[in-house]
N, C-alpha and C. Protein backbone atom coordinates (compact mmCIF):
# COMPACT_ATOMS: atom_id res chain seq x y z
N UNK A 1 -10.17 1.22 29.55
CA UNK A 1 -9.63 1.55 28.18
C UNK A 1 -10.75 3.00 27.58
N UNK A 2 -9.51 3.66 27.96
CA UNK A 2 -10.47 5.34 27.39
C UNK A 2 -10.85 5.25 25.79
N UNK A 3 -11.50 6.51 25.98
CA UNK A 3 -12.01 6.89 24.33
C UNK A 3 -10.48 7.11 23.34
N UNK A 4 -9.84 8.08 23.96
CA UNK A 4 -8.88 8.28 23.20
C UNK A 4 -7.63 7.40 23.09
N UNK A 5 -7.46 6.39 24.06
CA UNK A 5 -7.16 4.55 23.65
C UNK A 5 -7.58 4.09 22.10
N UNK A 6 -8.63 3.98 22.61
CA UNK A 6 -9.13 3.44 21.51
C UNK A 6 -9.29 3.63 20.49
N UNK A 7 -9.44 5.54 19.81
CA UNK A 7 -9.11 5.57 18.31
C UNK A 7 -6.89 6.17 18.17
N UNK A 8 -6.47 5.48 19.81
CA UNK A 8 -4.86 5.69 19.73
C UNK A 8 -4.27 4.65 17.76
N UNK A 9 -4.63 5.59 17.05
CA UNK A 9 -3.51 4.94 16.38
C UNK A 9 -1.98 4.23 16.60
N UNK A 10 -2.08 2.55 15.66
CA UNK A 10 -1.16 1.91 15.97
C UNK A 10 -1.95 0.70 17.56
N UNK A 11 -3.35 1.06 17.71
CA UNK A 11 -3.14 0.14 18.02
C UNK A 11 -4.47 -1.58 17.51
N UNK A 12 -4.13 -2.17 17.93
CA UNK A 12 -5.14 -3.09 17.29
C UNK A 12 -5.74 -4.26 18.61
N UNK A 13 -7.04 -4.65 18.08
CA UNK A 13 -7.60 -4.91 18.88
C UNK A 13 -7.31 -6.13 20.63
N UNK A 14 -6.37 -6.83 19.66
CA UNK A 14 -5.73 -7.55 21.35
C UNK A 14 -4.86 -6.61 21.91
N UNK A 15 -4.75 -5.80 21.22
CA UNK A 15 -4.40 -4.58 22.48
C UNK A 15 -4.66 -4.52 23.19
N UNK A 16 -6.08 -4.21 23.81
CA UNK A 16 -7.32 -4.10 24.38
C UNK A 16 -7.31 -5.04 25.64
N UNK A 17 -6.35 -6.35 25.89
CA UNK A 17 -6.90 -6.83 26.79
C UNK A 17 -5.66 -6.74 27.56
N UNK A 18 -5.96 -6.87 29.30
CA UNK A 18 -5.00 -5.58 30.07
C UNK A 18 -3.88 -7.03 30.20
N UNK A 19 -2.41 -6.56 30.44
CA UNK A 19 -1.76 -6.79 30.89
C UNK A 19 -0.79 -6.12 31.48
N UNK A 20 -0.94 -6.21 33.48
CA UNK A 20 -0.59 -5.10 33.83
C UNK A 20 1.17 -4.80 34.43
N UNK A 21 2.53 -5.72 33.70
CA UNK A 21 3.66 -6.42 33.55
C UNK A 21 3.90 -6.23 32.31
N UNK A 22 5.63 -6.28 32.02
CA UNK A 22 6.20 -6.75 31.16
C UNK A 22 5.62 -8.30 30.87
N UNK A 23 5.73 -9.77 31.59
CA UNK A 23 5.73 -10.80 32.35
C UNK A 23 4.47 -11.06 30.73
N UNK A 24 3.10 -10.12 32.54
CA UNK A 24 1.99 -10.38 31.92
C UNK A 24 1.95 -10.35 30.17
N UNK A 25 1.94 -9.29 29.83
CA UNK A 25 2.37 -9.08 28.53
C UNK A 25 2.84 -10.24 27.66
N UNK A 26 3.76 -10.91 27.99
CA UNK A 26 4.71 -11.57 27.13
C UNK A 26 4.07 -12.74 26.65
N UNK A 27 2.77 -13.43 28.36
CA UNK A 27 1.77 -14.44 28.38
C UNK A 27 0.87 -14.74 27.75
N UNK A 28 0.28 -13.10 27.78
CA UNK A 28 -0.81 -12.71 26.61
C UNK A 28 -0.33 -13.20 25.15
N UNK A 29 0.68 -12.47 25.29
CA UNK A 29 0.63 -12.99 23.47
C UNK A 29 1.56 -13.96 22.88
N UNK A 30 1.87 -14.53 23.52
CA UNK A 30 2.02 -16.79 24.08
C UNK A 30 0.56 -16.70 23.34
N UNK A 31 -0.14 -16.42 25.02
CA UNK A 31 -1.41 -17.04 23.85
C UNK A 31 -2.16 -16.83 22.98
N UNK A 32 -1.83 -15.43 23.03
CA UNK A 32 -3.12 -15.05 21.29
C UNK A 32 -2.19 -15.52 19.99
N UNK A 33 -0.43 -16.13 20.24
CA UNK A 33 -0.66 -16.37 18.89
C UNK A 33 -0.75 -17.16 18.57
N UNK A 34 -0.97 -19.02 20.05
CA UNK A 34 -0.85 -19.93 20.44
C UNK A 34 -2.84 -20.07 19.50
N UNK A 35 -3.81 -18.91 20.33
CA UNK A 35 -5.16 -19.25 19.79
C UNK A 35 -5.20 -18.63 18.41
N UNK A 36 -4.29 -17.66 17.70
CA UNK A 36 -4.38 -17.32 16.64
C UNK A 36 -4.22 -19.14 14.97
N UNK A 37 -3.25 -19.91 15.70
CA UNK A 37 -2.57 -20.92 14.96
C UNK A 37 -3.82 -21.78 15.09
N UNK A 38 -4.50 -22.36 16.31
CA UNK A 38 -5.41 -22.84 16.50
C UNK A 38 -6.62 -22.42 16.00
N UNK A 39 -7.32 -21.09 15.99
CA UNK A 39 -8.21 -20.89 15.14
C UNK A 39 -7.70 -21.42 13.74
N UNK A 40 -7.15 -20.95 13.44
CA UNK A 40 -6.24 -21.23 11.76
C UNK A 40 -6.53 -22.85 11.59
N UNK A 41 -6.19 -23.86 12.28
CA UNK A 41 -6.61 -25.19 12.12
C UNK A 41 -7.79 -25.82 12.51
N UNK A 42 -8.36 -24.76 13.10
CA UNK A 42 -9.96 -25.66 13.28
C UNK A 42 -10.41 -25.43 12.27
N UNK A 43 -10.24 -24.14 11.89
CA UNK A 43 -11.43 -22.93 10.45
C UNK A 43 -11.05 -24.12 9.36
N UNK A 44 -9.64 -24.69 8.51
CA UNK A 44 -9.46 -25.85 8.12
C UNK A 44 -10.09 -26.41 7.93
N UNK A 45 -10.53 -27.21 8.55
CA UNK A 45 -11.53 -28.48 8.26
C UNK A 45 -12.99 -28.34 8.28
N UNK A 46 -13.27 -26.54 8.47
CA UNK A 46 -14.66 -26.13 7.06
C UNK A 46 -13.86 -26.65 6.27
N UNK A 47 -14.09 -27.33 5.11
CA UNK A 47 -13.55 -27.84 3.85
C UNK A 47 -14.46 -27.92 3.14
N UNK A 48 -15.11 -27.53 1.96
CA UNK A 48 -15.94 -28.12 0.88
C UNK A 48 -15.27 -28.85 -0.61
N UNK A 49 -15.30 -29.59 -0.52
CA UNK A 49 -14.51 -30.11 -2.26
C UNK A 49 -15.18 -29.09 -3.71
N UNK A 50 -13.96 -28.79 -4.30
CA UNK A 50 -14.23 -27.76 -5.13
C UNK A 50 -14.56 -28.37 -6.62
N UNK A 51 -15.18 -29.40 -6.84
CA UNK A 51 -15.34 -30.04 -8.57
C UNK A 51 -14.04 -29.27 -9.07
N UNK A 52 -13.11 -30.37 -10.15
CA UNK A 52 -12.20 -29.80 -10.55
C UNK A 52 -11.33 -29.34 -10.26
N UNK A 53 -10.54 -28.46 -9.38
CA UNK A 53 -9.59 -28.16 -8.12
C UNK A 53 -9.20 -29.13 -7.46
N UNK A 54 -7.70 -29.26 -6.97
CA UNK A 54 -7.35 -29.88 -6.11
C UNK A 54 -7.73 -29.00 -5.03
N UNK A 55 -7.22 -27.43 -4.71
CA UNK A 55 -8.02 -26.63 -3.54
C UNK A 55 -9.13 -26.42 -3.41
N UNK A 56 -10.06 -26.81 -1.68
CA UNK A 56 -11.05 -27.04 -1.31
C UNK A 56 -11.57 -25.27 -0.75
N UNK A 57 -12.27 -25.47 -0.46
CA UNK A 57 -13.15 -23.66 0.11
C UNK A 57 -12.95 -24.27 1.58
N UNK A 58 -11.99 -23.39 1.89
CA UNK A 58 -12.26 -23.24 3.57
C UNK A 58 -12.24 -22.35 4.92
N UNK A 59 -12.59 -22.41 5.65
CA UNK A 59 -12.54 -21.33 6.55
C UNK A 59 -10.85 -21.00 7.40
N UNK A 60 -10.26 -21.50 6.45
CA UNK A 60 -8.96 -20.76 7.35
C UNK A 60 -7.84 -19.64 7.07
N UNK A 61 -8.49 -19.40 5.41
CA UNK A 61 -7.73 -18.30 4.50
C UNK A 61 -8.37 -16.79 5.67
N UNK A 62 -10.01 -16.73 5.81
CA UNK A 62 -10.83 -16.41 6.64
C UNK A 62 -10.41 -15.96 7.91
N UNK A 63 -10.19 -16.70 8.22
CA UNK A 63 -9.35 -17.06 9.66
C UNK A 63 -8.51 -16.76 10.61
N UNK A 64 -7.23 -16.60 8.72
CA UNK A 64 -5.67 -16.21 8.94
C UNK A 64 -5.94 -14.46 8.48
N UNK A 65 -7.07 -14.38 8.37
CA UNK A 65 -6.30 -12.97 7.86
C UNK A 65 -7.70 -11.68 9.48
N UNK A 66 -8.85 -13.17 9.68
CA UNK A 66 -9.40 -12.28 11.59
C UNK A 66 -7.69 -11.87 12.40
N UNK A 67 -6.98 -13.46 12.32
CA UNK A 67 -5.62 -13.82 13.13
C UNK A 67 -5.16 -12.37 12.72
N UNK A 68 -4.34 -11.68 11.62
CA UNK A 68 -3.95 -10.37 11.01
C UNK A 68 -4.52 -8.98 12.15
N UNK A 69 -5.69 -9.29 11.93
CA UNK A 69 -6.53 -7.31 12.07
C UNK A 69 -6.59 -7.60 13.41
N UNK A 70 -6.71 -8.95 14.13
CA UNK A 70 -7.00 -8.82 15.36
C UNK A 70 -5.79 -8.57 16.61
N UNK A 71 -5.01 -8.82 15.64
CA UNK A 71 -3.13 -8.76 17.01
C UNK A 71 -2.05 -8.35 16.51
N UNK A 72 -2.22 -7.74 15.33
CA UNK A 72 -1.57 -7.25 14.03
C UNK A 72 -0.43 -7.86 14.33
N UNK A 73 0.64 -7.67 13.28
CA UNK A 73 1.50 -7.91 12.30
C UNK A 73 2.12 -8.64 12.92
N UNK A 74 3.06 -8.24 14.08
CA UNK A 74 3.56 -9.73 14.73
C UNK A 74 3.47 -10.47 15.40
N UNK A 75 2.10 -10.43 15.48
CA UNK A 75 0.81 -12.12 16.94
C UNK A 75 0.68 -11.97 15.39
N UNK A 76 0.00 -11.84 14.40
CA UNK A 76 -0.43 -12.53 13.57
C UNK A 76 0.53 -13.69 12.81
N UNK A 77 1.56 -12.21 12.02
CA UNK A 77 2.74 -13.56 11.70
C UNK A 77 3.60 -14.89 12.13
N UNK A 78 3.00 -13.98 13.93
CA UNK A 78 3.84 -15.44 14.51
C UNK A 78 2.98 -16.90 14.87
N UNK A 79 1.61 -16.93 14.51
CA UNK A 79 0.54 -17.13 14.41
C UNK A 79 0.77 -18.39 12.94
N UNK A 80 0.15 -17.82 12.85
CA UNK A 80 0.85 -18.60 10.38
C UNK A 80 2.54 -19.03 10.57
N UNK A 81 3.24 -18.17 11.55
CA UNK A 81 3.95 -19.48 11.26
C UNK A 81 4.11 -21.00 12.04
N UNK A 82 3.48 -20.73 13.27
CA UNK A 82 3.35 -21.52 14.14
C UNK A 82 1.90 -22.61 13.76
N UNK A 83 1.45 -21.91 13.16
CA UNK A 83 0.50 -23.32 11.91
C UNK A 83 1.08 -23.85 10.90
N UNK A 84 1.48 -23.06 10.39
CA UNK A 84 2.66 -23.63 9.01
C UNK A 84 3.24 -24.90 9.63
N UNK A 85 4.25 -24.73 10.26
CA UNK A 85 5.69 -25.57 11.43
C UNK A 85 5.06 -26.46 11.80
N UNK A 86 4.01 -26.11 12.63
CA UNK A 86 2.98 -27.43 13.33
C UNK A 86 2.89 -28.81 12.66
N UNK A 87 1.53 -27.98 11.04
CA UNK A 87 1.10 -28.21 10.13
C UNK A 87 2.13 -28.99 8.97
N UNK A 88 3.00 -28.69 9.46
CA UNK A 88 4.68 -29.50 8.66
C UNK A 88 5.22 -30.72 9.01
N UNK A 89 4.88 -30.53 10.71
CA UNK A 89 5.45 -31.49 11.67
C UNK A 89 4.73 -32.72 12.05
N UNK A 90 3.30 -32.79 10.51
CA UNK A 90 2.53 -33.56 11.95
C UNK A 90 1.40 -33.42 11.41
N UNK A 91 1.00 -32.43 12.64
CA UNK A 91 -0.56 -32.04 12.66
C UNK A 91 -1.51 -31.64 11.54
N UNK A 92 -2.35 -32.41 12.23
CA UNK A 92 -3.00 -32.96 10.94
C UNK A 92 -4.72 -31.69 10.84
N UNK A 93 -3.85 -30.26 10.88
CA UNK A 93 -4.79 -29.41 10.70
C UNK A 93 -4.93 -28.31 9.28
N UNK A 94 -4.28 -28.55 8.13
CA UNK A 94 -4.56 -28.18 7.28
C UNK A 94 -5.75 -28.47 6.31
N UNK A 95 -6.36 -28.20 5.40
CA UNK A 95 -7.28 -27.92 5.20
C UNK A 95 -7.62 -29.55 4.86
N UNK A 96 -8.37 -29.77 5.66
CA UNK A 96 -9.07 -31.65 5.44
C UNK A 96 -8.53 -32.25 6.70
N UNK A 97 -8.08 -32.08 7.22
CA UNK A 97 -7.24 -32.77 8.45
C UNK A 97 -5.98 -33.24 7.74
N UNK A 98 -5.24 -32.40 6.06
CA UNK A 98 -3.93 -32.90 5.85
C UNK A 98 -2.89 -32.44 6.69
N UNK A 99 -1.87 -32.94 6.30
CA UNK A 99 -0.21 -32.60 7.41
C UNK A 99 0.77 -32.77 5.79
N UNK A 100 1.91 -31.72 6.00
CA UNK A 100 3.08 -32.18 5.78
C UNK A 100 2.94 -31.10 4.36
N UNK A 101 4.08 -30.50 4.26
CA UNK A 101 4.48 -29.32 3.46
C UNK A 101 4.76 -29.87 1.67
N UNK A 102 4.79 -29.25 0.91
CA UNK A 102 4.73 -29.22 -0.42
C UNK A 102 3.56 -30.23 -1.27
N UNK A 103 1.89 -30.07 -0.64
CA UNK A 103 1.29 -30.20 -1.58
C UNK A 103 0.73 -29.39 -2.23
N UNK A 104 0.26 -28.69 -3.49
CA UNK A 104 -0.65 -28.46 -4.04
C UNK A 104 -0.65 -26.66 -4.13
N UNK A 105 -1.73 -27.13 -2.08
CA UNK A 105 -2.11 -26.10 -1.68
C UNK A 105 -1.20 -25.21 -1.05
N UNK A 106 0.36 -25.32 -0.66
CA UNK A 106 0.99 -25.41 0.48
C UNK A 106 1.18 -23.96 0.27
N UNK A 107 1.05 -23.27 -0.69
CA UNK A 107 1.22 -21.70 -1.95
C UNK A 107 0.28 -21.14 -1.02
N UNK A 108 -0.74 -20.78 -0.51
CA UNK A 108 -1.76 -20.76 0.64
C UNK A 108 -1.54 -20.37 1.77
N UNK A 109 -0.57 -21.22 2.03
CA UNK A 109 -0.14 -21.47 3.93
C UNK A 109 0.38 -20.77 3.26
N UNK A 110 1.21 -20.68 2.86
CA UNK A 110 2.88 -19.12 2.41
C UNK A 110 2.29 -18.16 2.22
N UNK A 111 1.23 -18.04 1.38
CA UNK A 111 -0.02 -16.73 1.69
C UNK A 111 -0.16 -16.04 2.62
N UNK A 112 -0.72 -17.28 3.62
CA UNK A 112 -1.57 -16.23 4.35
C UNK A 112 -0.93 -15.81 5.64
N UNK A 113 0.94 -16.61 4.97
CA UNK A 113 1.39 -15.63 6.89
C UNK A 113 2.14 -13.98 6.35
N UNK A 114 2.23 -13.93 5.14
CA UNK A 114 2.08 -12.46 4.56
C UNK A 114 1.12 -11.92 4.61
N UNK A 115 0.12 -12.62 4.36
CA UNK A 115 -1.73 -11.77 4.56
C UNK A 115 -1.68 -11.71 6.19
N UNK A 116 -1.79 -12.31 6.52
CA UNK A 116 -1.70 -11.90 7.95
C UNK A 116 -0.90 -10.45 8.32
N UNK A 117 0.66 -9.94 8.17
CA UNK A 117 1.23 -9.89 8.41
C UNK A 117 0.74 -8.16 8.22
N UNK A 118 0.29 -8.27 6.50
CA UNK A 118 0.54 -7.27 6.13
C UNK A 118 -1.52 -6.23 6.72
N UNK A 119 -2.06 -7.43 7.00
CA UNK A 119 -3.84 -6.89 7.18
C UNK A 119 -3.15 -6.54 8.92
N UNK A 120 -2.55 -7.44 9.43
CA UNK A 120 -1.94 -6.18 11.00
C UNK A 120 -1.55 -5.14 11.23
N UNK A 121 -0.28 -5.06 10.02
CA UNK A 121 -0.42 -3.94 9.75
C UNK A 121 -1.56 -2.94 9.10
N UNK A 122 -1.70 -2.99 8.30
CA UNK A 122 -3.24 -1.55 8.35
C UNK A 122 -4.19 -2.04 8.94
N UNK A 123 -4.24 -3.02 10.40
CA UNK A 123 -5.38 -2.54 10.87
C UNK A 123 -4.49 -1.45 12.45
N UNK A 124 -3.22 -1.53 11.99
CA UNK A 124 -2.58 -0.84 12.98
C UNK A 124 -2.79 0.65 12.95
N UNK A 125 -3.37 0.38 11.21
CA UNK A 125 -3.35 2.36 11.06
C UNK A 125 -4.65 2.29 10.53
N UNK A 126 -6.15 1.48 11.66
CA UNK A 126 -7.78 1.78 11.22
C UNK A 126 -7.44 1.28 10.37
N UNK A 127 -7.38 0.06 9.59
CA UNK A 127 -7.43 -0.43 8.92
C UNK A 127 -8.56 -0.96 9.11
N UNK A 128 -9.28 -1.64 10.59
CA UNK A 128 -10.31 -2.10 11.00
C UNK A 128 -11.51 -1.54 11.75
N UNK A 129 -11.13 -0.24 11.64
CA UNK A 129 -11.95 0.86 12.13
C UNK A 129 -12.78 0.69 11.35
N UNK A 130 -13.38 1.49 10.61
CA UNK A 130 -14.85 1.28 9.26
C UNK A 130 -15.44 -0.12 8.49
N UNK A 131 -16.21 -0.03 7.98
CA UNK A 131 -16.61 -1.00 7.11
C UNK A 131 -15.80 -1.37 5.63
N UNK A 132 -16.11 0.56 5.13
CA UNK A 132 -14.94 0.38 3.55
C UNK A 132 -13.58 0.05 4.07
N UNK A 133 -13.04 0.31 5.22
CA UNK A 133 -12.16 0.82 5.73
C UNK A 133 -11.27 -1.22 6.03
N UNK A 134 -12.38 -1.90 5.91
CA UNK A 134 -12.53 -3.36 6.95
C UNK A 134 -12.67 -3.96 5.14
N UNK A 135 -13.35 -3.37 4.11
CA UNK A 135 -13.04 -4.15 3.11
C UNK A 135 -12.35 -4.44 2.53
N UNK A 136 -11.02 -3.71 2.72
CA UNK A 136 -9.86 -2.86 1.43
C UNK A 136 -9.26 -3.88 1.67
N UNK A 137 -8.96 -4.19 3.54
CA UNK A 137 -7.79 -4.84 4.15
C UNK A 137 -7.75 -5.65 3.72
N UNK A 138 -9.16 -6.50 4.03
CA UNK A 138 -9.10 -7.55 3.43
C UNK A 138 -8.99 -8.65 2.33
N UNK A 139 -9.74 -7.19 1.08
CA UNK A 139 -8.72 -8.13 0.17
C UNK A 139 -7.55 -7.44 -0.71
N UNK A 140 -6.86 -6.74 0.27
CA UNK A 140 -5.48 -6.17 0.57
C UNK A 140 -4.35 -7.77 0.69
N UNK A 141 -5.23 -8.99 1.77
CA UNK A 141 -5.17 -10.21 2.52
C UNK A 141 -5.48 -10.60 1.61
N UNK A 142 -6.34 -11.06 0.91
CA UNK A 142 -6.95 -12.05 0.02
C UNK A 142 -6.17 -12.34 -1.27
N UNK A 143 -5.74 -10.91 -1.49
CA UNK A 143 -5.03 -10.56 -2.90
C UNK A 143 -3.50 -11.41 -2.58
N UNK A 144 -2.88 -11.18 -1.54
CA UNK A 144 -1.61 -11.83 -1.36
C UNK A 144 -1.54 -13.47 -0.74
N UNK A 145 -2.54 -13.46 -0.80
CA UNK A 145 -2.79 -15.50 -0.03
C UNK A 145 -2.83 -15.54 -1.58
N UNK A 146 -3.35 -15.10 -2.47
CA UNK A 146 -3.69 -15.79 -4.06
C UNK A 146 -2.16 -15.89 -4.94
N UNK A 147 -1.11 -14.52 -4.24
CA UNK A 147 0.08 -14.35 -5.64
C UNK A 147 0.27 -14.89 -4.89
N UNK A 148 0.86 -15.94 -4.24
CA UNK A 148 1.31 -16.21 -3.66
C UNK A 148 0.91 -18.29 -4.43
N UNK A 149 -0.07 -18.42 -3.55
CA UNK A 149 -0.94 -19.73 -3.68
C UNK A 149 -1.58 -20.18 -4.72
N UNK A 150 -1.82 -19.23 -6.39
CA UNK A 150 -1.63 -19.74 -7.92
C UNK A 150 -0.21 -20.39 -8.08
N UNK A 151 0.77 -18.91 -8.64
CA UNK A 151 2.03 -19.86 -8.66
C UNK A 151 2.60 -20.66 -8.11
N UNK A 152 1.97 -21.14 -6.83
CA UNK A 152 2.17 -22.31 -5.91
C UNK A 152 2.09 -22.95 -6.65
N UNK A 153 0.46 -23.09 -7.44
CA UNK A 153 0.00 -23.96 -6.85
C UNK A 153 0.28 -24.81 -8.57
N UNK A 154 0.35 -23.14 -9.20
CA UNK A 154 0.80 -23.57 -11.09
C UNK A 154 2.41 -24.74 -11.22
N UNK A 155 3.05 -24.47 -10.33
CA UNK A 155 4.26 -24.88 -10.63
C UNK A 155 3.79 -26.68 -9.79
N UNK A 156 3.17 -26.64 -8.57
CA UNK A 156 3.95 -27.80 -8.08
C UNK A 156 3.09 -29.02 -9.09
N UNK A 157 2.26 -28.22 -10.01
CA UNK A 157 1.18 -29.31 -10.34
C UNK A 157 1.00 -29.35 -12.11
N UNK A 158 2.01 -28.83 -12.91
CA UNK A 158 2.68 -28.34 -13.83
C UNK A 158 1.30 -27.16 -14.25
N UNK A 159 -0.01 -27.26 -13.76
CA UNK A 159 -0.25 -26.19 -14.70
C UNK A 159 0.00 -25.24 -15.33
N UNK A 160 -0.71 -24.33 -16.02
CA UNK A 160 -0.40 -23.10 -16.40
C UNK A 160 -0.75 -21.85 -16.04
N UNK A 161 0.29 -21.12 -15.82
CA UNK A 161 -0.66 -20.03 -15.01
C UNK A 161 -2.21 -19.39 -14.79
N UNK A 162 -2.87 -19.98 -16.21
CA UNK A 162 -4.28 -19.30 -16.83
C UNK A 162 -4.58 -20.63 -16.14
N UNK A 163 -4.65 -21.33 -15.35
CA UNK A 163 -5.35 -23.02 -15.29
C UNK A 163 -5.23 -23.26 -14.14
N UNK A 164 -4.27 -22.29 -14.06
CA UNK A 164 -4.23 -22.42 -11.81
C UNK A 164 -5.13 -21.12 -11.48
N UNK A 165 -5.04 -20.36 -12.31
CA UNK A 165 -5.70 -18.62 -11.97
C UNK A 165 -7.17 -19.85 -12.29
N UNK A 166 -7.83 -20.06 -12.97
CA UNK A 166 -9.82 -20.63 -13.00
C UNK A 166 -9.58 -21.90 -12.18
N UNK A 167 -8.41 -22.57 -11.24
CA UNK A 167 -9.33 -23.46 -10.25
C UNK A 167 -8.46 -23.13 -9.46
N UNK A 168 -7.42 -22.60 -8.88
CA UNK A 168 -7.27 -21.83 -7.64
C UNK A 168 -7.52 -20.37 -7.45
N UNK A 169 -8.38 -19.82 -8.19
CA UNK A 169 -9.41 -18.72 -8.17
C UNK A 169 -10.51 -18.32 -7.83
N UNK A 170 -10.70 -18.53 -9.63
CA UNK A 170 -11.88 -17.80 -9.46
C UNK A 170 -12.33 -18.79 -9.21
N UNK A 171 -13.14 -20.18 -8.20
CA UNK A 171 -14.29 -19.90 -7.74
C UNK A 171 -14.03 -20.11 -6.84
N UNK A 172 -13.49 -19.04 -5.91
CA UNK A 172 -12.83 -18.55 -4.81
C UNK A 172 -13.77 -17.50 -4.80
N UNK A 173 -13.63 -16.45 -5.76
CA UNK A 173 -13.61 -14.76 -5.73
C UNK A 173 -15.78 -15.11 -5.16
N UNK A 174 -16.47 -15.62 -5.26
CA UNK A 174 -17.72 -15.01 -4.45
C UNK A 174 -17.84 -15.51 -3.15
N UNK A 175 -16.90 -16.28 -2.58
CA UNK A 175 -16.98 -16.84 -1.15
C UNK A 175 -16.29 -15.03 -0.57
N UNK A 176 -14.90 -15.27 -0.80
CA UNK A 176 -14.21 -14.42 -0.60
C UNK A 176 -14.73 -13.26 0.19
N UNK A 177 -15.89 -12.81 -1.13
CA UNK A 177 -17.23 -11.52 -0.95
C UNK A 177 -17.82 -11.72 0.42
N UNK A 178 -17.75 -12.53 0.57
CA UNK A 178 -18.75 -13.31 1.50
C UNK A 178 -17.82 -12.86 2.95
N UNK A 179 -17.04 -13.83 2.78
CA UNK A 179 -16.04 -13.37 3.96
C UNK A 179 -15.67 -12.37 4.33
N UNK A 180 -15.41 -11.11 3.55
CA UNK A 180 -15.30 -9.93 3.06
C UNK A 180 -16.42 -9.69 4.21
N UNK A 181 -17.57 -9.38 3.20
CA UNK A 181 -18.34 -9.23 4.13
C UNK A 181 -18.50 -9.45 6.12
N UNK A 182 -18.36 -10.48 6.17
CA UNK A 182 -18.32 -10.57 7.15
C UNK A 182 -17.82 -9.56 7.78
N UNK A 183 -16.68 -9.59 7.85
CA UNK A 183 -15.22 -9.04 8.16
C UNK A 183 -15.78 -7.94 8.66
N UNK A 184 -16.61 -7.13 7.82
CA UNK A 184 -16.62 -5.59 7.57
C UNK A 184 -17.52 -5.56 8.77
N UNK A 185 -18.64 -6.17 8.80
CA UNK A 185 -19.98 -6.28 10.29
C UNK A 185 -18.74 -6.81 11.55
N UNK A 186 -18.04 -7.83 11.70
CA UNK A 186 -17.41 -8.03 12.79
C UNK A 186 -16.26 -6.72 13.46
N UNK A 187 -15.27 -6.73 12.50
CA UNK A 187 -14.21 -5.94 13.31
C UNK A 187 -15.02 -4.53 14.00
N UNK A 188 -15.29 -3.82 12.53
CA UNK A 188 -16.02 -2.13 13.39
C UNK A 188 -17.08 -2.46 14.37
N UNK A 189 -17.43 -3.59 14.38
CA UNK A 189 -18.48 -4.41 15.73
C UNK A 189 -17.87 -4.49 17.23
N UNK A 190 -17.09 -4.55 17.21
CA UNK A 190 -15.54 -5.52 18.05
C UNK A 190 -15.50 -3.63 18.40
N UNK A 191 -14.53 -3.08 17.42
CA UNK A 191 -14.62 -2.07 18.06
C UNK A 191 -15.59 -0.47 19.00
N UNK A 192 -16.54 -1.00 18.16
CA UNK A 192 -17.76 -0.09 18.73
C UNK A 192 -18.13 -0.50 20.10
N UNK A 193 -18.24 -2.14 20.27
CA UNK A 193 -18.55 -2.63 20.77
C UNK A 193 -17.29 -1.95 22.57
N UNK A 194 -16.08 -2.42 22.32
CA UNK A 194 -14.54 -1.74 22.98
C UNK A 194 -14.88 -0.36 23.16
N UNK A 195 -15.31 0.06 22.57
CA UNK A 195 -15.83 1.84 22.77
C UNK A 195 -17.19 2.03 23.90
N UNK A 196 -18.06 1.14 24.14
CA UNK A 196 -18.81 1.23 24.27
C UNK A 196 -18.33 0.47 26.44
N UNK A 197 -17.76 -0.24 26.37
CA UNK A 197 -17.03 -1.22 27.63
C UNK A 197 -16.48 0.21 28.46
N UNK A 198 -15.58 0.16 27.98
CA UNK A 198 -14.47 1.66 28.00
C UNK A 198 -15.20 3.22 28.56
């Protein structure tokens, strides 16, 4: 892959994987969507309970953001939809091996669909190429997850919005900053490595 192709707007990391024909591109994309859903399901099993909160600290939100940034908006959204539908159908790969719809934390899963789409769109505009841009992209995606997850938590548990913020957002801010720092290193580094190979 040439340096010009690597720097071309509209390219995400997944686009660097070769596919000589349209049918091979479809197979590649299907594998990427399935892989993104599986990665999110595996990351969700890294779950640490938070005292006083029904929401655990997990790796799934970080995985969802990385999937969106790496695959782009369309494939990222499909990965999260597949993840959600499989979990709703009984696949035990929501946080801590849970499954089904309607739990107190299901709003975060819906938020991850929106976040993967937005982060993927931003990545196509270069939002994953530098450290500061990556941080802003991850922050936007994280905000979308909370924008859906916290009100859903309040509605599903009968908490006030303030209580839901206190138990469903505030305890996770430090962890989210650490996840953003990881992404700030990982995504721009992946682009640099791809440039060296090209």
